[in-house]
Structure formats: C-alpha cells, structure tokens
C-alpha cells in the first residue's frame, strides 16, 4: 500500500514540475533572416564603409606628407653639412653630363660618395633602383645652372643648356628659394602627371614637400608658389621651386 501511495506522489510531483516548466520557460521558435533583411544589413554596412574610408585615406595621405616634409628638412640639413665642407658648393655630380635636370636629380650621389649617407634610400626611401625608377626627390635646378640664363627671353634651347655648380653665397633669398622637392612619386609613368609637381602644369593637386635654402620646409602644390601669376616656361625654365626664374637669385615664396 505504501508503495502505491509513493508512486502516486511521484506521479503528482512530475506533473507539477512539467506544468511549472511549461509556465516558466515558454518555447520560442527560431526564425532565420529574410533576404530583404540581409540586403538591408549589407546596405548599412556599405554606407558605413563609404563614410569611414575617405577619412581613413585622408589620414594616411596626411601622415605620408608629414613624413615627407620631415624628410626634405633632413635633406636640407645634410646639404648644409656638405656645403660647409666643400666651400659652399651645392652637391654636384661632376661625372654626369647632359641636361640640367639629370644633374639635379643626381644630387644624392655626391652625398653618398662623401659618406654623408650610407645609401640613396636614406635620401629617397621610395625609390626602387632595381626597377629603374626616377628619383622621387630632386635638387632645384637653380642650384646647378647659370642664373643669367634663367631669365625670360634669355633661356637657350635644351640642347644648349649646360649645368654648373653654384654656391650658397649666390642665393640672395635663402628663406624664399626652394632647395629640394618631391618632384614625383618615384614612378616614371606619372612624371609630370597628377602625382607630380613639375613642370609648370596648372592641374596637379598633389601637395609636394619642399625644403628651402635656409633649412626650413613646407608643402604645397605648384600653384601655391606662382604668386598668383599663370605659369610661364621657356625650355623648361620658370617652374617654381624646380627651375625658378632668376635661378639662385630668385624667389619661390
């Protein structure tokens, strides 16, 4: 008899527990995302990416420009050390001949030969010599060309232009005369294009880092250094900073 009563009590407790579980934990069915909801989520994510990406790109560009301005300032310091050891003469690759731009782009070789740097990469970290790319940074051609031939109406044809070394005392306005600049991004395919500073073109919008003969540095597009005047060139002479009118006697800002 006691066994029967025990079994009835167990059955009653089981029924009470089942009822409690049904009351406390109602079943909730799982429903998957519909195609429309999924597309809405993807659309929201794409909008967020579109809002964030430009800001991220601008931040990276600004960081690179800051690095480049610091680099041209270091270039100016090294050139000052070089000129103090070589009677004020700006770096000049004597073994090169040809157009002045060739000598201006090779300004790092005398610093390398003189032991001021261990490799060209210290002066131009973005150049890839193995791929034969143009140097990204150039010395102002005014530092390696005759000032008397950098006047409107007196510029000889390119085939007759001959470089020569100039000295620091010839620079009349050191704080206004550009010394080195990032002429292009190191890729020959964009030389003079939208990623370049040279040569008198009005459309480049890419700001270039520029050092000056007094050791200061800044950045800007080519039109920032025209003084409000339209670009005027003769046989490659007249581009601000790179081939300034009046050469070492001229101003870039």
Protein backbone atom coordinates (compact mmCIF):
# COMPACT_ATOMS: atom_id res chain seq x y z
CA UNK A 1 0.00 0.00 0.00
CA UNK A 2 2.78 2.39 0.95
CA UNK A 3 4.45 1.63 -2.37
CA UNK A 4 1.26 2.59 -4.23
CA UNK A 5 0.98 5.85 -2.29
CA UNK A 6 4.64 6.64 -3.07
CA UNK A 7 4.11 6.04 -6.76
CA UNK A 8 1.06 8.33 -6.80
CA UNK A 9 3.03 11.08 -5.05
CA UNK A 10 5.90 10.76 -7.55
CA UNK A 11 3.46 11.00 -10.45
CA UNK A 12 1.86 14.10 -8.91
CA UNK A 13 5.28 15.79 -8.45
CA UNK A 14 6.28 15.03 -12.03
CA UNK A 15 3.06 16.59 -13.31
CA UNK A 16 3.63 19.71 -11.16
CA UNK A 17 7.22 20.07 -12.48
CA UNK A 18 6.04 19.69 -16.07
CA UNK A 19 3.43 22.39 -15.54
CA UNK A 20 5.98 24.69 -13.88
CA UNK A 21 8.43 24.23 -16.77
CA UNK A 22 5.71 24.97 -19.29
CA UNK A 23 4.79 28.15 -17.43
CA UNK A 24 8.30 29.44 -16.71
CA UNK A 25 10.05 28.56 -19.99
CA UNK A 26 7.71 29.04 -22.93
CA UNK A 27 9.07 27.77 -26.20
CA UNK A 28 10.26 30.39 -28.66
CA UNK A 29 10.65 29.40 -32.26
CA UNK A 30 13.82 30.46 -34.18
CA UNK A 31 13.37 32.42 -37.41
CA UNK A 32 16.14 32.98 -39.98
CA UNK A 33 16.88 36.36 -41.64
CA UNK A 34 14.85 37.02 -44.74
CA UNK A 35 16.59 38.04 -47.96
CA UNK A 36 15.31 41.61 -47.63
CA UNK A 37 16.64 41.93 -44.09
CA UNK A 38 20.00 40.58 -45.18
CA UNK A 39 20.21 43.09 -48.05
CA UNK A 40 19.32 45.94 -45.70
CA UNK A 41 22.13 44.92 -43.32
CA UNK A 42 24.63 44.74 -46.18
CA UNK A 43 23.49 48.15 -47.40
CA UNK A 44 24.00 49.71 -43.98
CA UNK A 45 27.49 48.21 -43.75
CA UNK A 46 28.41 49.57 -47.19
CA UNK A 47 27.20 53.05 -46.25
CA UNK A 48 29.31 52.99 -43.08
CA UNK A 49 32.36 51.88 -45.05
CA UNK A 50 31.75 54.68 -47.54
CA UNK A 51 31.68 57.21 -44.72
CA UNK A 52 34.80 55.93 -42.98
CA UNK A 53 37.04 55.12 -46.00
CA UNK A 54 37.63 58.73 -47.24
CA UNK A 55 38.60 59.88 -43.77
CA UNK A 56 40.98 56.96 -43.38
CA UNK A 57 42.52 57.67 -46.78
CA UNK A 58 42.99 61.35 -45.94
CA UNK A 59 44.62 60.42 -42.65
CA UNK A 60 47.09 58.12 -44.40
CA UNK A 61 47.87 60.77 -47.04
CA UNK A 62 48.45 63.40 -44.37
CA UNK A 63 50.70 61.03 -42.43
CA UNK A 64 52.78 60.39 -45.54
CA UNK A 65 53.02 64.12 -46.30
CA UNK A 66 54.15 64.79 -42.73
CA UNK A 67 56.83 62.14 -43.14
CA UNK A 68 57.95 63.65 -46.45
CA UNK A 69 58.19 67.19 -45.06
CA UNK A 70 60.38 65.85 -42.26
CA UNK A 71 62.49 64.07 -44.86
CA UNK A 72 63.16 67.17 -47.01
CA UNK A 73 64.09 69.06 -43.85
CA UNK A 74 66.70 66.36 -43.17
CA UNK A 75 67.86 66.66 -46.77
CA UNK A 76 68.44 70.37 -46.28
CA UNK A 77 70.47 69.68 -43.14
CA UNK A 78 72.67 67.16 -44.96
CA UNK A 79 73.18 69.58 -47.85
CA UNK A 80 74.22 72.25 -45.34
CA UNK A 81 76.82 69.86 -43.91
CA UNK A 82 78.04 69.11 -47.43
CA UNK A 83 78.31 72.76 -48.46
CA UNK A 84 80.20 73.62 -45.27
CA UNK A 85 82.82 71.01 -46.20
CA UNK A 86 83.02 71.95 -49.90
CA UNK A 87 83.42 75.73 -49.77
CA UNK A 88 79.71 76.40 -50.08
CA UNK A 89 79.27 74.37 -53.28
CA UNK A 90 75.93 72.60 -53.68
CA UNK A 91 76.02 68.85 -54.39
CA UNK A 92 77.09 68.41 -57.99
CA UNK A 93 77.65 65.13 -59.83
CA UNK A 94 80.69 66.13 -61.86
CA UNK A 95 80.81 62.83 -63.74
CA UNK A 96 77.40 63.43 -65.32
CA UNK A 97 76.79 65.43 -68.45
CA UNK A 98 73.65 66.44 -70.29
CA UNK A 99 70.58 68.41 -69.40
CA UNK A 100 70.49 70.18 -66.05
CA UNK A 101 67.58 68.03 -64.81
CA UNK A 102 69.82 64.96 -64.96
CA UNK A 103 72.39 66.60 -62.70
CA UNK A 104 69.69 67.97 -60.40
CA UNK A 105 68.16 64.51 -59.90
CA UNK A 106 71.59 63.03 -59.12
CA UNK A 107 72.21 65.39 -56.19
CA UNK A 108 72.34 62.46 -53.75
CA UNK A 109 75.40 60.85 -55.35
CA UNK A 110 77.94 63.39 -54.02
CA UNK A 111 76.47 62.94 -50.52
CA UNK A 112 76.78 59.18 -50.90
CA UNK A 113 80.39 59.43 -52.16
CA UNK A 114 81.27 61.82 -49.35
CA UNK A 115 79.97 59.47 -46.67
CA UNK A 116 77.13 61.71 -45.52
CA UNK A 117 74.68 58.84 -46.10
CA UNK A 118 75.17 55.11 -46.44
CA UNK A 119 72.62 54.65 -49.21
CA UNK A 120 70.41 56.70 -51.52
CA UNK A 121 67.41 55.20 -49.73
CA UNK A 122 68.20 57.46 -46.76
CA UNK A 123 67.54 60.46 -49.00
CA UNK A 124 64.83 58.91 -51.15
CA UNK A 125 63.14 55.98 -49.36
CA UNK A 126 60.57 55.45 -52.10
CA UNK A 127 62.97 54.96 -54.99
CA UNK A 128 63.43 51.45 -56.36
CA UNK A 129 66.77 51.49 -58.16
CA UNK A 130 66.43 47.88 -59.30
CA UNK A 131 63.30 48.77 -61.29
CA UNK A 132 64.97 51.81 -62.80
CA UNK A 133 62.52 54.37 -61.42
CA UNK A 134 63.28 58.06 -61.42
CA UNK A 135 64.32 59.56 -58.10
CA UNK A 136 61.34 60.95 -56.23
CA UNK A 137 63.26 63.92 -54.85
CA UNK A 138 65.25 66.44 -56.82
CA UNK A 139 67.55 69.33 -56.11
CA UNK A 140 66.33 72.61 -57.55
CA UNK A 141 67.85 73.03 -61.00
CA UNK A 142 68.62 76.60 -60.00
CA UNK A 143 71.42 75.23 -57.83
CA UNK A 144 73.16 73.66 -60.81
CA UNK A 145 72.52 76.15 -63.62
CA UNK A 146 73.63 79.62 -64.65
CA UNK A 147 71.35 82.29 -63.19
CA UNK A 148 71.92 84.65 -66.13
CA UNK A 149 70.34 82.08 -68.46
CA UNK A 150 67.27 81.69 -66.26
CA UNK A 151 65.71 84.98 -67.31
CA UNK A 152 62.75 85.35 -69.67
CA UNK A 153 63.93 85.77 -73.23
CA UNK A 154 67.47 84.59 -72.46
CA UNK A 155 66.89 80.87 -71.96
CA UNK A 156 68.82 78.76 -74.50
CA UNK A 157 67.27 75.65 -76.07
CA UNK A 158 67.51 72.47 -74.01
CA UNK A 159 70.27 71.09 -76.21
CA UNK A 160 72.44 74.11 -75.34
CA UNK A 161 71.78 74.20 -71.61
CA UNK A 162 74.85 73.26 -69.61
CA UNK A 163 74.87 72.72 -65.88
CA UNK A 164 77.42 74.15 -63.47
CA UNK A 165 77.76 74.11 -59.68
CA UNK A 166 76.55 77.11 -57.71
CA UNK A 167 77.45 78.19 -54.18
CA UNK A 168 75.46 79.17 -51.13
CA UNK A 169 76.57 82.82 -51.15
CA UNK A 170 74.92 83.24 -54.54
CA UNK A 171 71.46 82.58 -53.07
CA UNK A 172 70.07 86.05 -52.40
CA UNK A 173 66.90 84.94 -50.56
CA UNK A 174 67.63 81.67 -48.68
CA UNK A 175 64.27 81.57 -46.86
CA UNK A 176 62.41 82.01 -50.16
CA UNK A 177 64.45 79.83 -52.54
CA UNK A 178 63.43 76.20 -52.81
CA UNK A 179 66.24 73.68 -52.35
CA UNK A 180 64.81 70.15 -52.67
CA UNK A 181 61.35 68.93 -53.56
CA UNK A 182 59.46 65.75 -54.17
CA UNK A 183 59.12 66.04 -57.91
CA UNK A 184 57.10 62.86 -58.42
CA UNK A 185 56.13 59.70 -56.59
CA UNK A 186 59.04 57.68 -57.98
CA UNK A 187 57.13 56.17 -60.89
CA UNK A 188 58.24 57.32 -64.34
CA UNK A 189 54.71 56.78 -65.68
CA UNK A 190 53.35 59.67 -63.60
CA UNK A 191 56.23 62.11 -64.03
CA UNK A 192 54.54 65.44 -64.60
CA UNK A 193 51.11 63.91 -64.08
CA UNK A 194 48.55 64.32 -61.33
CA UNK A 195 51.05 62.95 -58.80
CA UNK A 196 53.86 65.28 -59.82
CA UNK A 197 54.97 68.84 -59.01
CA UNK A 198 56.97 69.70 -62.10
CA UNK A 199 56.92 71.26 -64.71
CA UNK A 200 54.73 74.30 -64.72
CA UNK A 201 51.47 72.44 -65.24
CA UNK A 202 48.49 74.02 -63.55
CA UNK A 203 46.45 70.90 -62.84
CA UNK A 204 48.50 68.85 -60.34
CA UNK A 205 46.71 68.89 -56.99
CA UNK A 206 49.13 66.63 -55.15
CA UNK A 207 50.97 68.62 -52.42
CA UNK A 208 54.71 68.17 -52.58
CA UNK A 209 57.15 68.53 -49.66
CA UNK A 210 59.71 71.28 -50.25
CA UNK A 211 62.81 72.38 -48.37
CA UNK A 212 64.37 75.82 -48.66
CA UNK A 213 67.93 77.07 -48.71
CA UNK A 214 67.67 78.28 -45.10
CA UNK A 215 66.80 74.77 -43.86
CA UNK A 216 63.06 75.30 -43.44
CA UNK A 217 60.44 73.05 -45.05
CA UNK A 218 56.80 73.14 -46.06
CA UNK A 219 54.42 71.55 -48.56
CA UNK A 220 52.13 72.75 -51.31
CA UNK A 221 51.04 72.35 -54.91
CA UNK A 222 52.82 74.10 -57.74
CA UNK A 223 50.25 76.90 -57.99
CA UNK A 224 50.97 77.87 -54.36
CA UNK A 225 54.38 79.15 -55.45
CA UNK A 226 53.37 81.16 -58.51
CA UNK A 227 52.42 84.28 -56.59
CA UNK A 228 49.06 84.44 -58.33
CA UNK A 229 50.64 84.57 -61.78
CA UNK A 230 49.97 81.98 -64.51
CA UNK A 231 52.83 79.58 -65.22
CA UNK A 232 55.25 80.71 -67.91
CA UNK A 233 58.07 78.50 -69.08
CA UNK A 234 60.82 78.69 -71.66
CA UNK A 235 62.58 75.42 -72.48
CA UNK A 236 61.74 74.02 -69.06
CA UNK A 237 62.87 77.10 -67.11
CA UNK A 238 60.38 79.02 -64.99
CA UNK A 239 58.72 76.26 -62.94
CA UNK A 240 58.55 77.43 -59.32
CA UNK A 241 60.98 75.77 -56.91
CA UNK A 242 62.33 73.39 -59.55
CA UNK A 243 63.60 75.86 -62.18
CA UNK A 244 62.85 79.25 -60.67
CA UNK A 245 63.13 82.37 -62.79
CA UNK A 246 66.44 84.15 -61.99
CA UNK A 247 67.80 80.90 -60.55
CA UNK A 248 69.66 81.29 -57.26
CA UNK A 249 68.75 84.97 -57.30
CA UNK A 250 65.03 84.28 -57.49
CA UNK A 251 62.22 83.66 -55.02
CA UNK A 252 59.72 80.84 -54.64
CA UNK A 253 57.63 82.33 -51.84
